[in-house]
Amino acid sequence: MGFYVNPPNQSKESFLIGHGIAIPSRTMSWDQVPAGSLPVVLMNNGHFSAAGIAYKPEELAEFTRSDDPRPRTIYVVKIEDLMQVCNDPYFAKYVKDNKLI
Protein backbone atom coordinates (compact mmCIF):
# COMPACT_ATOMS: atom_id res chain seq x y z
CA MET A 1 0.00 0.00 0.00
CA GLY A 2 1.58 3.16 -1.08
CA PHE A 3 -0.31 6.47 -1.41
CA TYR A 4 -2.21 8.27 1.33
CA VAL A 5 -4.34 11.39 1.72
CA ASN A 6 -2.61 13.93 3.98
CA PRO A 7 -4.22 17.36 3.61
CA PRO A 8 -2.07 20.15 5.07
CA ASN A 9 -4.86 22.32 6.53
CA GLN A 10 -7.62 19.93 7.55
CA SER A 11 -8.21 16.39 8.70
CA LYS A 12 -8.42 13.51 6.25
CA GLU A 13 -12.01 13.01 7.35
CA SER A 14 -12.95 16.63 6.57
CA PHE A 15 -11.26 16.45 3.18
CA LEU A 16 -13.07 13.23 2.25
CA ILE A 17 -16.45 14.54 3.38
CA GLY A 18 -15.92 17.73 1.36
CA HIS A 19 -14.36 16.22 -1.76
CA GLY A 20 -15.54 12.63 -1.91
CA ILE A 21 -18.68 10.60 -2.32
CA ALA A 22 -19.11 7.97 0.39
CA ILE A 23 -19.93 4.47 -0.83
CA PRO A 24 -22.46 2.74 1.44
CA SER A 25 -20.58 -0.56 1.46
CA ARG A 26 -17.38 -2.08 2.84
CA THR A 27 -16.45 -3.24 -0.65
CA MET A 28 -16.41 -1.88 -4.16
CA SER A 29 -15.38 -3.38 -7.49
CA TRP A 30 -12.85 -1.63 -9.69
CA ASP A 31 -15.32 -1.36 -12.58
CA GLN A 32 -17.56 0.83 -10.38
CA VAL A 33 -14.89 3.54 -10.17
CA PRO A 34 -15.86 6.56 -12.30
CA ALA A 35 -13.35 7.80 -14.88
CA GLY A 36 -11.19 10.60 -13.46
CA SER A 37 -11.67 9.39 -9.88
CA LEU A 38 -10.12 6.88 -7.50
CA PRO A 39 -11.40 5.14 -4.38
CA VAL A 40 -9.97 6.26 -1.06
CA VAL A 41 -10.44 3.94 1.89
CA LEU A 42 -10.59 5.62 5.30
CA MET A 43 -9.51 2.99 7.85
CA ASN A 44 -9.85 3.30 11.60
CA ASN A 45 -6.65 1.89 13.10
CA GLY A 46 -7.62 2.52 16.71
CA HIS A 47 -5.29 5.36 17.72
CA PHE A 48 -5.27 6.94 14.27
CA SER A 49 -6.99 6.81 10.91
CA ALA A 50 -5.45 6.34 7.49
CA ALA A 51 -6.88 7.30 4.11
CA GLY A 52 -5.31 5.06 1.50
CA ILE A 53 -5.69 5.80 -2.19
CA ALA A 54 -6.65 2.65 -4.08
CA TYR A 55 -4.84 3.56 -7.29
CA LYS A 56 -5.17 0.14 -8.94
CA PRO A 57 -7.44 -2.92 -8.57
CA GLU A 58 -4.99 -4.80 -6.35
CA GLU A 59 -4.83 -1.91 -3.89
CA LEU A 60 -8.62 -1.72 -3.72
CA ALA A 61 -8.79 -5.46 -3.05
CA GLU A 62 -6.17 -5.16 -0.29
CA PHE A 63 -7.90 -2.20 1.40
CA THR A 64 -11.30 -3.95 1.34
CA ARG A 65 -10.36 -7.50 2.36
CA SER A 66 -13.27 -9.26 4.05
CA ASP A 67 -10.98 -10.76 6.71
CA ASP A 68 -9.93 -7.27 7.93
CA PRO A 69 -12.37 -6.28 10.71
CA ARG A 70 -11.25 -2.63 11.02
CA PRO A 71 -14.00 -0.07 10.46
CA ARG A 72 -13.70 1.60 7.06
CA THR A 73 -15.49 3.92 4.69
CA ILE A 74 -14.85 4.03 0.96
CA TYR A 75 -14.98 7.39 -0.81
CA VAL A 76 -14.72 8.13 -4.51
CA VAL A 77 -12.59 11.24 -5.05
CA LYS A 78 -11.57 13.09 -8.21
CA ILE A 79 -7.92 12.51 -9.04
CA GLU A 80 -7.38 16.27 -9.45
CA ASP A 81 -8.39 16.74 -5.80
CA LEU A 82 -6.16 13.86 -4.68
CA MET A 83 -3.17 15.47 -6.40
CA GLN A 84 -3.51 18.34 -3.93
CA VAL A 85 -3.41 16.20 -0.79
CA CYS A 86 -1.08 13.31 -1.58
CA ASN A 87 2.39 14.64 -0.89
CA ASP A 88 4.13 11.65 -2.46
CA PRO A 89 5.78 12.66 -5.76
CA TYR A 90 5.43 9.09 -7.02
CA PHE A 91 1.66 9.48 -6.96
CA ALA A 92 1.83 12.36 -9.44
CA LYS A 93 4.20 10.30 -11.59
CA TYR A 94 1.87 7.28 -11.42
CA VAL A 95 -1.10 9.41 -12.47
CA LYS A 96 0.86 10.93 -15.37
CA ASP A 97 2.47 7.67 -16.52
CA ASN A 98 -0.88 5.86 -16.51
CA LYS A 99 -2.78 8.77 -18.08
CA LEU A 100 -5.38 8.75 -15.31
CA ILE A 101 -6.27 12.40 -15.97
PDB file of N, CA and C in Angstrom:
ATOM      1  N   MET A   1       0.859  -1.180   0.000  1.00  0.00           N
ATOM      2  CA  MET A   1       0.000   0.000   0.000  1.00  0.00           C
ATOM      3  C   MET A   1       0.892   1.226   0.000  1.00  0.00           C
ATOM      4  N   GLY A   2       0.599   2.128  -0.928  1.00  0.00           N
ATOM      5  CA  GLY A   2       1.576   3.165  -1.080  1.00  0.00           C
ATOM      6  C   GLY A   2       1.187   4.605  -0.974  1.00  0.00           C
ATOM      7  N   PHE A   3      -0.005   5.045  -1.360  1.00  0.00           N
ATOM      8  CA  PHE A   3      -0.312   6.465  -1.407  1.00  0.00           C
ATOM      9  C   PHE A   3      -1.440   6.792  -0.433  1.00  0.00           C
ATOM     10  N   TYR A   4      -1.256   7.904   0.295  1.00  0.00           N
ATOM     11  CA  TYR A   4      -2.209   8.275   1.329  1.00  0.00           C
ATOM     12  C   TYR A   4      -2.610   9.733   1.202  1.00  0.00           C
ATOM     13  N   VAL A   5      -3.816  10.036   1.673  1.00  0.00           N
ATOM     14  CA  VAL A   5      -4.337  11.392   1.718  1.00  0.00           C
ATOM     15  C   VAL A   5      -3.832  12.044   2.994  1.00  0.00           C
ATOM     16  N   ASN A   6      -3.124  13.169   2.843  1.00  0.00           N
ATOM     17  CA  ASN A   6      -2.607  13.928   3.983  1.00  0.00           C
ATOM     18  C   ASN A   6      -2.780  15.422   3.725  1.00  0.00           C
ATOM     19  N   PRO A   7      -4.004  15.936   3.874  1.00  0.00           N
ATOM     20  CA  PRO A   7      -4.224  17.364   3.609  1.00  0.00           C
ATOM     21  C   PRO A   7      -3.471  18.231   4.626  1.00  0.00           C
ATOM     22  N   PRO A   8      -2.876  19.330   4.158  1.00  0.00           N
ATOM     23  CA  PRO A   8      -2.074  20.148   5.067  1.00  0.00           C
ATOM     24  C   PRO A   8      -2.882  20.989   6.055  1.00  0.00           C
ATOM     25  N   ASN A   9      -4.116  21.361   5.705  1.00  0.00           N
ATOM     26  CA  ASN A   9      -4.857  22.325   6.528  1.00  0.00           C
ATOM     27  C   ASN A   9      -6.173  21.808   7.089  1.00  0.00           C
ATOM     28  N   GLN A  10      -6.387  20.511   7.004  1.00  0.00           N
ATOM     29  CA  GLN A  10      -7.616  19.935   7.547  1.00  0.00           C
ATOM     30  C   GLN A  10      -7.396  18.444   7.770  1.00  0.00           C
ATOM     31  N   SER A  11      -8.333  17.832   8.450  1.00  0.00           N
ATOM     32  CA  SER A  11      -8.211  16.395   8.699  1.00  0.00           C
ATOM     33  C   SER A  11      -8.539  15.616   7.422  1.00  0.00           C
ATOM     34  N   LYS A  12      -8.089  14.391   7.377  1.00  0.00           N
ATOM     35  CA  LYS A  12      -8.419  13.506   6.252  1.00  0.00           C
ATOM     36  C   LYS A  12      -9.931  13.347   6.148  1.00  0.00           C
ATOM     37  N   GLU A  13     -10.563  13.202   7.312  1.00  0.00           N
ATOM     38  CA  GLU A  13     -12.009  13.011   7.353  1.00  0.00           C
ATOM     39  C   GLU A  13     -12.737  14.207   6.742  1.00  0.00           C
ATOM     40  N   SER A  14     -12.318  15.425   7.116  1.00  0.00           N
ATOM     41  CA  SER A  14     -12.953  16.632   6.567  1.00  0.00           C
ATOM     42  C   SER A  14     -12.749  16.727   5.061  1.00  0.00           C
ATOM     43  N   PHE A  15     -11.532  16.421   4.611  1.00  0.00           N
ATOM     44  CA  PHE A  15     -11.259  16.450   3.180  1.00  0.00           C
ATOM     45  C   PHE A  15     -12.171  15.475   2.443  1.00  0.00           C
ATOM     46  N   LEU A  16     -12.268  14.250   2.940  1.00  0.00           N
ATOM     47  CA  LEU A  16     -13.066  13.233   2.255  1.00  0.00           C
ATOM     48  C   LEU A  16     -14.547  13.579   2.255  1.00  0.00           C
ATOM     49  N   ILE A  17     -15.040  14.130   3.335  1.00  0.00           N
ATOM     50  CA  ILE A  17     -16.450  14.543   3.376  1.00  0.00           C
ATOM     51  C   ILE A  17     -16.703  15.668   2.373  1.00  0.00           C
ATOM     52  N   GLY A  18     -15.750  16.597   2.259  1.00  0.00           N
ATOM     53  CA  GLY A  18     -15.917  17.733   1.358  1.00  0.00           C
ATOM     54  C   GLY A  18     -15.639  17.447  -0.104  1.00  0.00           C
ATOM     55  N   HIS A  19     -14.785  16.456  -0.388  1.00  0.00           N
ATOM     56  CA  HIS A  19     -14.360  16.219  -1.761  1.00  0.00           C
ATOM     57  C   HIS A  19     -14.717  14.840  -2.301  1.00  0.00           C
ATOM     58  N   GLY A  20     -15.246  13.990  -1.470  1.00  0.00           N
ATOM     59  CA  GLY A  20     -15.543  12.631  -1.911  1.00  0.00           C
ATOM     60  C   GLY A  20     -17.015  12.294  -1.842  1.00  0.00           C
ATOM     61  N   ILE A  21     -17.335  11.167  -2.406  1.00  0.00           N
ATOM     62  CA  ILE A  21     -18.681  10.597  -2.322  1.00  0.00           C
ATOM     63  C   ILE A  21     -18.537   9.285  -1.572  1.00  0.00           C
ATOM     64  N   ALA A  22     -19.192   9.185  -0.419  1.00  0.00           N
ATOM     65  CA  ALA A  22     -19.115   7.967   0.389  1.00  0.00           C
ATOM     66  C   ALA A  22     -19.892   6.843  -0.286  1.00  0.00           C
ATOM     67  N   ILE A  23     -19.306   5.666  -0.278  1.00  0.00           N
ATOM     68  CA  ILE A  23     -19.932   4.466  -0.835  1.00  0.00           C
ATOM     69  C   ILE A  23     -20.529   3.691   0.334  1.00  0.00           C
ATOM     70  N   PRO A  24     -21.817   3.398   0.296  1.00  0.00           N
ATOM     71  CA  PRO A  24     -22.465   2.739   1.444  1.00  0.00           C
ATOM     72  C   PRO A  24     -22.209   1.231   1.501  1.00  0.00           C
ATOM     73  N   SER A  25     -20.946   0.855   1.415  1.00  0.00           N
ATOM     74  CA  SER A  25     -20.578  -0.555   1.457  1.00  0.00           C
ATOM     75  C   SER A  25     -19.142  -0.673   1.934  1.00  0.00           C
ATOM     76  N   ARG A  26     -18.775  -1.839   2.447  1.00  0.00           N
ATOM     77  CA  ARG A  26     -17.384  -2.078   2.844  1.00  0.00           C
ATOM     78  C   ARG A  26     -16.541  -2.548   1.676  1.00  0.00           C
ATOM     79  N   THR A  27     -17.179  -2.797   0.537  1.00  0.00           N
ATOM     80  CA  THR A  27     -16.452  -3.242  -0.649  1.00  0.00           C
ATOM     81  C   THR A  27     -16.910  -2.464  -1.872  1.00  0.00           C
ATOM     82  N   MET A  28     -16.100  -2.553  -2.901  1.00  0.00           N
ATOM     83  CA  MET A  28     -16.405  -1.879  -4.161  1.00  0.00           C
ATOM     84  C   MET A  28     -15.593  -2.590  -5.230  1.00  0.00           C
ATOM     85  N   SER A  29     -16.155  -2.762  -6.414  1.00  0.00           N
ATOM     86  CA  SER A  29     -15.378  -3.377  -7.488  1.00  0.00           C
ATOM     87  C   SER A  29     -14.728  -2.275  -8.330  1.00  0.00           C
ATOM     88  N   TRP A  30     -13.608  -2.613  -8.925  1.00  0.00           N
ATOM     89  CA  TRP A  30     -12.847  -1.628  -9.693  1.00  0.00           C
ATOM     90  C   TRP A  30     -13.659  -1.065 -10.853  1.00  0.00           C
ATOM     91  N   ASP A  31     -14.532  -1.859 -11.445  1.00  0.00           N
ATOM     92  CA  ASP A  31     -15.316  -1.361 -12.580  1.00  0.00           C
ATOM     93  C   ASP A  31     -16.414  -0.381 -12.165  1.00  0.00           C
ATOM     94  N   GLN A  32     -16.603  -0.174 -10.867  1.00  0.00           N
ATOM     95  CA  GLN A  32     -17.561   0.828 -10.381  1.00  0.00           C
ATOM     96  C   GLN A  32     -16.915   2.203 -10.213  1.00  0.00           C
ATOM     97  N   VAL A  33     -15.603   2.286 -10.378  1.00  0.00           N
ATOM     98  CA  VAL A  33     -14.885   3.544 -10.174  1.00  0.00           C
ATOM     99  C   VAL A  33     -15.095   4.445 -11.387  1.00  0.00           C
ATOM    100  N   PRO A  34     -15.644   5.650 -11.171  1.00  0.00           N
ATOM    101  CA  PRO A  34     -15.861   6.558 -12.301  1.00  0.00           C
ATOM    102  C   PRO A  34     -14.536   7.031 -12.907  1.00  0.00           C
ATOM    103  N   ALA A  35     -14.529   7.256 -14.208  1.00  0.00           N
ATOM    104  CA  ALA A  35     -13.349   7.799 -14.877  1.00  0.00           C
ATOM    105  C   ALA A  35     -12.975   9.132 -14.231  1.00  0.00           C
ATOM    106  N   GLY A  36     -11.675   9.350 -14.055  1.00  0.00           N
ATOM    107  CA  GLY A  36     -11.194  10.596 -13.461  1.00  0.00           C
ATOM    108  C   GLY A  36     -11.224  10.618 -11.947  1.00  0.00           C
ATOM    109  N   SER A  37     -11.586   9.498 -11.336  1.00  0.00           N
ATOM    110  CA  SER A  37     -11.666   9.394  -9.879  1.00  0.00           C
ATOM    111  C   SER A  37     -10.945   8.138  -9.416  1.00  0.00           C
ATOM    112  N   LEU A  38     -10.682   8.080  -8.121  1.00  0.00           N
ATOM    113  CA  LEU A  38     -10.123   6.880  -7.499  1.00  0.00           C
ATOM    114  C   LEU A  38     -10.802   6.653  -6.157  1.00  0.00           C
ATOM    115  N   PRO A  39     -10.881   5.415  -5.716  1.00  0.00           N
ATOM    116  CA  PRO A  39     -11.399   5.138  -4.383  1.00  0.00           C
ATOM    117  C   PRO A  39     -10.344   5.497  -3.336  1.00  0.00           C
ATOM    118  N   VAL A  40     -10.811   6.015  -2.232  1.00  0.00           N
ATOM    119  CA  VAL A  40      -9.972   6.261  -1.065  1.00  0.00           C
ATOM    120  C   VAL A  40     -10.645   5.546   0.092  1.00  0.00           C
ATOM    121  N   VAL A  41      -9.878   4.715   0.798  1.00  0.00           N
ATOM    122  CA  VAL A  41     -10.445   3.942   1.894  1.00  0.00           C
ATOM    123  C   VAL A  41      -9.947   4.532   3.205  1.00  0.00           C
ATOM    124  N   LEU A  42     -10.891   5.070   3.978  1.00  0.00           N
ATOM    125  CA  LEU A  42     -10.592   5.618   5.303  1.00  0.00           C
ATOM    126  C   LEU A  42     -10.706   4.488   6.308  1.00  0.00           C
ATOM    127  N   MET A  43      -9.574   4.113   6.901  1.00  0.00           N
ATOM    128  CA  MET A  43      -9.513   2.993   7.854  1.00  0.00           C
ATOM    129  C   MET A  43      -9.295   3.529   9.259  1.00  0.00           C
ATOM    130  N   ASN A  44     -10.042   2.980  10.194  1.00  0.00           N
ATOM    131  CA  ASN A  44      -9.847   3.302  11.599  1.00  0.00           C
ATOM    132  C   ASN A  44      -8.870   2.285  12.173  1.00  0.00           C
ATOM    133  N   ASN A  45      -7.690   2.765  12.556  1.00  0.00           N
ATOM    134  CA  ASN A  45      -6.654   1.894  13.098  1.00  0.00           C
ATOM    135  C   ASN A  45      -6.579   1.958  14.623  1.00  0.00           C
ATOM    136  N   GLY A  46      -7.629   2.410  15.257  1.00  0.00           N
ATOM    137  CA  GLY A  46      -7.623   2.517  16.714  1.00  0.00           C
ATOM    138  C   GLY A  46      -7.157   3.886  17.156  1.00  0.00           C
ATOM    139  N   HIS A  47      -5.843   4.078  17.262  1.00  0.00           N
ATOM    140  CA  HIS A  47      -5.293   5.361  17.721  1.00  0.00           C
ATOM    141  C   HIS A  47      -5.207   6.408  16.626  1.00  0.00           C
ATOM    142  N   PHE A  48      -5.342   5.992  15.380  1.00  0.00           N
ATOM    143  CA  PHE A  48      -5.272   6.941  14.269  1.00  0.00           C
ATOM    144  C   PHE A  48      -6.052   6.371  13.076  1.00  0.00           C
ATOM    145  N   SER A  49      -6.343   7.252  12.142  1.00  0.00           N
ATOM    146  CA  SER A  49      -6.992   6.805  10.913  1.00  0.00           C
ATOM    147  C   SER A  49      -6.007   6.968   9.761  1.00  0.00           C
ATOM    148  N   ALA A  50      -6.249   6.227   8.698  1.00  0.00           N
ATOM    149  CA  ALA A  50      -5.449   6.336   7.486  1.00  0.00           C
ATOM    150  C   ALA A  50      -6.399   6.372   6.306  1.00  0.00           C
ATOM    151  N   ALA A  51      -6.069   7.192   5.318  1.00  0.00           N
ATOM    152  CA  ALA A  51      -6.884   7.304   4.111  1.00  0.00           C
ATOM    153  C   ALA A  51      -6.029   6.877   2.926  1.00  0.00           C
ATOM    154  N   GLY A  52      -6.130   5.614   2.568  1.00  0.00           N
ATOM    155  CA  GLY A  52      -5.314   5.055   1.497  1.00  0.00           C
ATOM    156  C   GLY A  52      -5.979   5.205   0.148  1.00  0.00           C
ATOM    157  N   ILE A  53      -5.189   5.652  -0.821  1.00  0.00           N
ATOM    158  CA  ILE A  53      -5.685   5.799  -2.188  1.00  0.00           C
ATOM    159  C   ILE A  53      -5.543   4.451  -2.893  1.00  0.00           C
ATOM    160  N   ALA A  54      -6.658   3.918  -3.337  1.00  0.00           N
ATOM    161  CA  ALA A  54      -6.649   2.652  -4.080  1.00  0.00           C
ATOM    162  C   ALA A  54      -6.446   2.998  -5.550  1.00  0.00           C
ATOM    163  N   TYR A  55      -5.185   3.060  -5.958  1.00  0.00           N
ATOM    164  CA  TYR A  55      -4.845   3.558  -7.290  1.00  0.00           C
ATOM    165  C   TYR A  55      -4.862   2.480  -8.371  1.00  0.00           C
ATOM    166  N   LYS A  56      -5.056   1.237  -7.982  1.00  0.00           N
ATOM    167  CA  LYS A  56      -5.171   0.143  -8.944  1.00  0.00           C
ATOM    168  C   LYS A  56      -6.021  -0.954  -8.315  1.00  0.00           C
ATOM    169  N   PRO A  57      -6.536  -1.892  -9.100  1.00  0.00           N
ATOM    170  CA  PRO A  57      -7.443  -2.917  -8.574  1.00  0.00           C
ATOM    171  C   PRO A  57      -6.872  -3.705  -7.395  1.00  0.00           C
ATOM    172  N   GLU A  58      -5.596  -4.023  -7.444  1.00  0.00           N
ATOM    173  CA  GLU A  58      -4.989  -4.802  -6.354  1.00  0.00           C
ATOM    174  C   GLU A  58      -4.988  -4.043  -5.035  1.00  0.00           C
ATOM    175  N   GLU A  59      -4.792  -2.728  -5.109  1.00  0.00           N
ATOM    176  CA  GLU A  59      -4.825  -1.906  -3.894  1.00  0.00           C
ATOM    177  C   GLU A  59      -6.242  -1.872  -3.319  1.00  0.00           C
ATOM    178  N   LEU A  60      -7.238  -1.728  -4.182  1.00  0.00           N
ATOM    179  CA  LEU A  60      -8.623  -1.724  -3.717  1.00  0.00           C
ATOM    180  C   LEU A  60      -8.952  -3.047  -3.045  1.00  0.00           C
ATOM    181  N   ALA A  61      -8.535  -4.146  -3.645  1.00  0.00           N
ATOM    182  CA  ALA A  61      -8.789  -5.464  -3.047  1.00  0.00           C
ATOM    183  C   ALA A  61      -8.112  -5.588  -1.684  1.00  0.00           C
ATOM    184  N   GLU A  62      -6.893  -5.080  -1.558  1.00  0.00           N
ATOM    185  CA  GLU A  62      -6.170  -5.156  -0.285  1.00  0.00           C
ATOM    186  C   GLU A  62      -6.844  -4.307   0.791  1.00  0.00           C
ATOM    187  N   PHE A  63      -7.259  -3.108   0.429  1.00  0.00           N
ATOM    188  CA  PHE A  63      -7.897  -2.201   1.397  1.00  0.00           C
ATOM    189  C   PHE A  63      -9.280  -2.688   1.828  1.00  0.00           C
ATOM    190  N   THR A  64      -9.921  -3.539   1.041  1.00  0.00           N
ATOM    191  CA  THR A  64     -11.303  -3.947   1.344  1.00  0.00           C
ATOM    192  C   THR A  64     -11.416  -5.446   1.625  1.00  0.00           C
ATOM    193  N   ARG A  65     -10.343  -6.065   2.056  1.00  0.00           N
ATOM    194  CA  ARG A  65     -10.363  -7.499   2.364  1.00  0.00           C
ATOM    195  C   ARG A  65     -11.452  -7.821   3.390  1.00  0.00           C
ATOM    196  N   SER A  66     -12.177  -8.877   3.148  1.00  0.00           N
ATOM    197  CA  SER A  66     -13.272  -9.256   4.051  1.00  0.00           C
ATOM    198  C   SER A  66     -12.767  -9.795   5.391  1.00  0.00           C
ATOM    199  N   ASP A  67     -11.514 -10.234   5.446  1.00  0.00           N
ATOM    200  CA  ASP A  67     -10.977 -10.755   6.710  1.00  0.00           C
ATOM    201  C   ASP A  67     -10.360  -9.661   7.585  1.00  0.00           C
ATOM    202  N   ASP A  68     -10.436  -8.406   7.146  1.00  0.00           N
ATOM    203  CA  ASP A  68      -9.929  -7.275   7.928  1.00  0.00           C
ATOM    204  C   ASP A  68     -11.110  -6.625   8.644  1.00  0.00           C
ATOM    205  N   PRO A  69     -11.192  -6.760   9.986  1.00  0.00           N
ATOM    206  CA  PRO A  69     -12.369  -6.277  10.707  1.00  0.00           C
ATOM    207  C   PRO A  69     -12.374  -4.772  11.002  1.00  0.00           C
ATOM    208  N   ARG A  70     -11.302  -4.063  10.674  1.00  0.00           N
ATOM    209  CA  ARG A  70     -11.253  -2.631  11.019  1.00  0.00           C
ATOM    210  C   ARG A  70     -12.383  -1.863  10.336  1.00  0.00           C
ATOM    211  N   PRO A  71     -12.964  -0.922  11.061  1.00  0.00           N
ATOM    212  CA  PRO A  71     -14.000  -0.069  10.455  1.00  0.00           C
ATOM    213  C   PRO A  71     -13.410   0.727   9.291  1.00  0.00           C
ATOM    214  N   ARG A  72     -14.185   0.869   8.228  1.00  0.00           N
ATOM    215  CA  ARG A  72     -13.703   1.600   7.058  1.00  0.00           C
ATOM    216  C   ARG A  72     -14.866   2.244   6.328  1.00  0.00           C
ATOM    217  N   THR A  73     -14.542   3.289   5.599  1.00  0.00           N
ATOM    218  CA  THR A  73     -15.490   3.925   4.691  1.00  0.00           C
ATOM    219  C   THR A  73     -14.761   4.154   3.375  1.00  0.00           C
ATOM    220  N   ILE A  74     -15.420   3.813   2.291  1.00  0.00           N
ATOM    221  CA  ILE A  74     -14.853   4.028   0.964  1.00  0.00           C
ATOM    222  C   ILE A  74     -15.444   5.319   0.397  1.00  0.00           C
ATOM    223  N   TYR A  75     -14.569   6.164  -0.127  1.00  0.00           N
ATOM    224  CA  TYR A  75     -14.981   7.391  -0.806  1.00  0.00           C
ATOM    225  C   TYR A  75     -14.457   7.346  -2.236  1.00  0.00           C
ATOM    226  N   VAL A  76     -15.197   7.927  -3.146  1.00  0.00           N
ATOM    227  CA  VAL A  76     -14.720   8.127  -4.510  1.00  0.00           C
ATOM    228  C   VAL A  76     -14.358   9.607  -4.614  1.00  0.00           C
ATOM    229  N   VAL A  77     -13.108   9.868  -5.028  1.00  0.00           N
ATOM    230  CA  VAL A  77     -12.587  11.245  -5.048  1.00  0.00           C
ATOM    231  C   VAL A  77     -11.962  11.515  -6.414  1.00  0.00           C
ATOM    232  N   LYS A  78     -12.182  12.702  -6.941  1.00  0.00           N
ATOM    233  CA  LYS A  78     -11.571  13.085  -8.209  1.00  0.00           C
ATOM    234  C   LYS A  78     -10.051  13.105  -8.056  1.00  0.00           C
ATOM    235  N   ILE A  79      -9.381  12.595  -9.071  1.00  0.00           N
ATOM    236  CA  ILE A  79      -7.923  12.515  -9.036  1.00  0.00           C
ATOM    237  C   ILE A  79      -7.306  13.908  -8.906  1.00  0.00           C
ATOM    238  N   GLU A  80      -7.891  14.897  -9.561  1.00  0.00           N
ATOM    239  CA  GLU A  80      -7.378  16.269  -9.455  1.00  0.00           C
ATOM    240  C   GLU A  80      -7.346  16.729  -8.002  1.00  0.00           C
ATOM    241  N   ASP A  81      -8.362  16.369  -7.225  1.00  0.00           N
ATOM    242  CA  ASP A  81      -8.386  16.736  -5.803  1.00  0.00           C
ATOM    243  C   ASP A  81      -7.338  15.953  -5.018  1.00  0.00           C
ATOM    244  N   LEU A  82      -7.156  14.682  -5.370  1.00  0.00           N
ATOM    245  CA  LEU A  82      -6.159  13.859  -4.678  1.00  0.00           C
ATOM    246  C   LEU A  82      -4.745  14.369  -4.924  1.00  0.00           C
ATOM    247  N   MET A  83      -4.494  14.928  -6.096  1.00  0.00           N
ATOM    248  CA  MET A  83      -3.165  15.467  -6.401  1.00  0.00           C
ATOM    249  C   MET A  83      -2.771  16.577  -5.428  1.00  0.00           C
ATOM    250  N   GLN A  84      -3.776  17.243  -4.849  1.00  0.00           N
ATOM    251  CA  GLN A  84      -3.506  18.345  -3.930  1.00  0.00           C
ATOM    252  C   GLN A  84      -3.195  17.875  -2.502  1.00  0.00           C
ATOM    253  N   VAL A  85      -3.545  16.651  -2.183  1.00  0.00           N
ATOM    254  CA  VAL A  85      -3.410  16.198  -0.790  1.00  0.00           C
ATOM    255  C   VAL A  85      -2.572  14.937  -0.614  1.00  0.00           C
ATOM    256  N   CYS A  86      -2.013  14.435  -1.682  1.00  0.00           N
ATOM    257  CA  CYS A  86      -1.083  13.311  -1.585  1.00  0.00           C
ATOM    258  C   CYS A  86       0.303  13.893  -1.825  1.00  0.00           C
ATOM    259  N   ASN A  87       1.089  13.976  -0.769  1.00  0.00           N
ATOM    260  CA  ASN A  87       2.391  14.639  -0.892  1.00  0.00           C
ATOM    261  C   ASN A  87       3.500  13.693  -1.337  1.00  0.00           C
ATOM    262  N   ASP A  88       3.154  12.602  -1.945  1.00  0.00           N
ATOM    263  CA  ASP A  88       4.129  11.651  -2.465  1.00  0.00           C
ATOM    264  C   ASP A  88       4.348  11.931  -3.955  1.00  0.00           C
ATOM    265  N   PRO A  89       5.550  12.338  -4.349  1.00  0.00           N
ATOM    266  CA  PRO A  89       5.777  12.661  -5.763  1.00  0.00           C
ATOM    267  C   PRO A  89       5.566  11.477  -6.694  1.00  0.00           C
ATOM    268  N   TYR A  90       5.662  10.270  -6.183  1.00  0.00           N
ATOM    269  CA  TYR A  90       5.433   9.090  -7.024  1.00  0.00           C
ATOM    270  C   TYR A  90       3.965   8.942  -7.404  1.00  0.00           C
ATOM    271  N   PHE A  91       3.069   9.512  -6.595  1.00  0.00           N
ATOM    272  CA  PHE A  91       1.656   9.475  -6.963  1.00  0.00           C
ATOM    273  C   PHE A  91       1.422  10.304  -8.221  1.00  0.00           C
ATOM    274  N   ALA A  92       1.974  11.509  -8.254  1.00  0.00           N
ATOM    275  CA  ALA A  92       1.829  12.359  -9.442  1.00  0.00           C
ATOM    276  C   ALA A  92       2.434  11.672 -10.659  1.00  0.00           C
ATOM    277  N   LYS A  93       3.565  11.028 -10.490  1.00  0.00           N
ATOM    278  CA  LYS A  93       4.200  10.300 -11.589  1.00  0.00           C
ATOM    279  C   LYS A  93       3.322   9.136 -12.039  1.00  0.00           C
ATOM    280  N   TYR A  94       2.751   8.400 -11.085  1.00  0.00           N
ATOM    281  CA  TYR A  94       1.872   7.277 -11.417  1.00  0.00           C
ATOM    282  C   TYR A  94       0.668   7.768 -12.225  1.00  0.00           C
ATOM    283  N   VAL A  95       0.068   8.856 -11.775  1.00  0.00           N
ATOM    284  CA  VAL A  95      -1.099   9.414 -12.472  1.00  0.00           C
ATOM    285  C   VAL A  95      -0.720   9.806 -13.892  1.00  0.00           C
ATOM    286  N   LYS A  96       0.410  10.487 -14.043  1.00  0.00           N
ATOM    287  CA  LYS A  96       0.857  10.932 -15.368  1.00  0.00           C
ATOM    288  C   LYS A  96       1.209   9.739 -16.251  1.00  0.00           C
ATOM    289  N   ASP A  97       2.015   8.815 -15.737  1.00  0.00           N
ATOM    290  CA  ASP A  97       2.470   7.670 -16.524  1.00  0.00           C
ATOM    291  C   ASP A  97       1.316   6.784 -16.989  1.00  0.00           C
ATOM    292  N   ASN A  98       0.256   6.711 -16.175  1.00  0.00           N
ATOM    293  CA  ASN A  98      -0.884   5.860 -16.506  1.00  0.00           C
ATOM    294  C   ASN A  98      -2.044   6.632 -17.126  1.00  0.00           C
ATOM    295  N   LYS A  99      -1.790   7.910 -17.413  1.00  0.00           N
ATOM    296  CA  LYS A  99      -2.775   8.766 -18.075  1.00  0.00           C
ATOM    297  C   LYS A  99      -4.149   8.700 -17.403  1.00  0.00           C
ATOM    298  N   LEU A 100      -4.127   8.838 -16.068  1.00  0.00           N
ATOM    299  CA  LEU A 100      -5.378   8.749 -15.312  1.00  0.00           C
ATOM    300  C   LEU A 100      -6.208  10.031 -15.420  1.00  0.00           C
ATOM    301  N   ILE A 101      -5.538  11.149 -15.708  1.00  0.00           N
ATOM    302  CA  ILE A 101      -6.273  12.398 -15.973  1.00  0.00           C
ATOM    303  C   ILE A 101      -5.607  13.104 -17.133  1.00  0.00           C
TER     304      ILE A 101
END
